[in-house]
């Protein structure tokens, strides 16, 4: 089983932002949401703006 590499990311604090956050500091919430949507579409391999539908049958309380 693969282990999570904990040396790649470090915890930040209020006064020293993490290196990953610096790119998003000047962005508005809408711009960050667009980046988040794009990264999700790439990582889960779906067309941007057309995410897959969730199969809600798995959460159904009805007995078959």
Protein backbone atom coordinates (compact mmCIF):
# COMPACT_ATOMS: atom_id res chain seq x y z
CA UNK A 1 0.00 0.00 0.00
CA UNK A 2 1.29 3.46 -0.88
CA UNK A 3 1.94 5.89 1.93
CA UNK A 4 1.04 9.56 1.89
CA UNK A 5 4.09 11.78 1.39
CA UNK A 6 3.82 14.21 4.29
CA UNK A 7 7.07 16.00 3.48
CA UNK A 8 5.60 17.72 0.39
CA UNK A 9 3.26 20.04 2.28
CA UNK A 10 3.82 21.87 5.54
CA UNK A 11 1.37 23.50 7.89
CA UNK A 12 1.07 27.26 7.67
CA UNK A 13 -0.10 29.90 10.07
CA UNK A 14 -1.92 33.22 9.95
CA UNK A 15 1.20 35.34 9.40
CA UNK A 16 3.19 33.13 7.00
CA UNK A 17 0.98 31.70 4.27
CA UNK A 18 1.85 28.36 2.73
CA UNK A 19 3.58 28.34 -0.64
CA UNK A 20 0.48 26.84 -2.32
CA UNK A 21 -1.74 29.71 -1.16
CA UNK A 22 0.39 32.56 -2.48
CA UNK A 23 -0.96 32.15 -6.05
CA UNK A 24 -4.55 32.73 -4.89
CA UNK A 25 -4.06 35.73 -2.57
CA UNK A 26 -5.10 38.42 -5.08
CA UNK A 27 -8.05 36.48 -6.51
CA UNK A 28 -11.72 36.99 -5.79
CA UNK A 29 -13.91 34.13 -4.56
CA UNK A 30 -15.39 33.72 -8.03
CA UNK A 31 -11.94 33.36 -9.62
CA UNK A 32 -10.89 30.79 -7.01
CA UNK A 33 -14.12 28.87 -7.66
CA UNK A 34 -13.31 28.77 -11.40
CA UNK A 35 -9.82 27.43 -10.68
CA UNK A 36 -11.28 24.84 -8.30
CA UNK A 37 -13.83 23.74 -10.91
CA UNK A 38 -11.12 23.41 -13.55
CA UNK A 39 -8.83 21.39 -11.27
CA UNK A 40 -11.71 19.07 -10.34
CA UNK A 41 -12.58 18.52 -14.00
CA UNK A 42 -8.98 17.62 -14.81
CA UNK A 43 -8.48 15.35 -11.81
CA UNK A 44 -11.78 13.47 -12.24
CA UNK A 45 -11.63 13.49 -16.06
CA UNK A 46 -14.89 15.17 -17.06
CA UNK A 47 -15.71 18.09 -19.36
CA UNK A 48 -15.49 21.48 -17.67
CA UNK A 49 -18.98 22.68 -16.82
CA UNK A 50 -20.54 19.22 -17.18
CA UNK A 51 -19.74 17.24 -14.04
CA UNK A 52 -21.08 13.67 -13.86
CA UNK A 53 -24.42 13.09 -12.18
CA UNK A 54 -24.36 11.50 -8.76
CA UNK A 55 -25.94 8.05 -8.51
CA UNK A 56 -28.39 8.59 -5.65
CA UNK A 57 -29.64 5.00 -5.74
CA UNK A 58 -26.82 4.05 -3.37
CA UNK A 59 -28.35 6.31 -0.71
CA UNK A 60 -31.94 5.12 -1.16
CA UNK A 61 -33.67 3.83 1.97
CA UNK A 62 -36.16 1.77 -0.04
CA UNK A 63 -35.84 -1.98 0.16
CA UNK A 64 -35.75 -3.75 -3.20
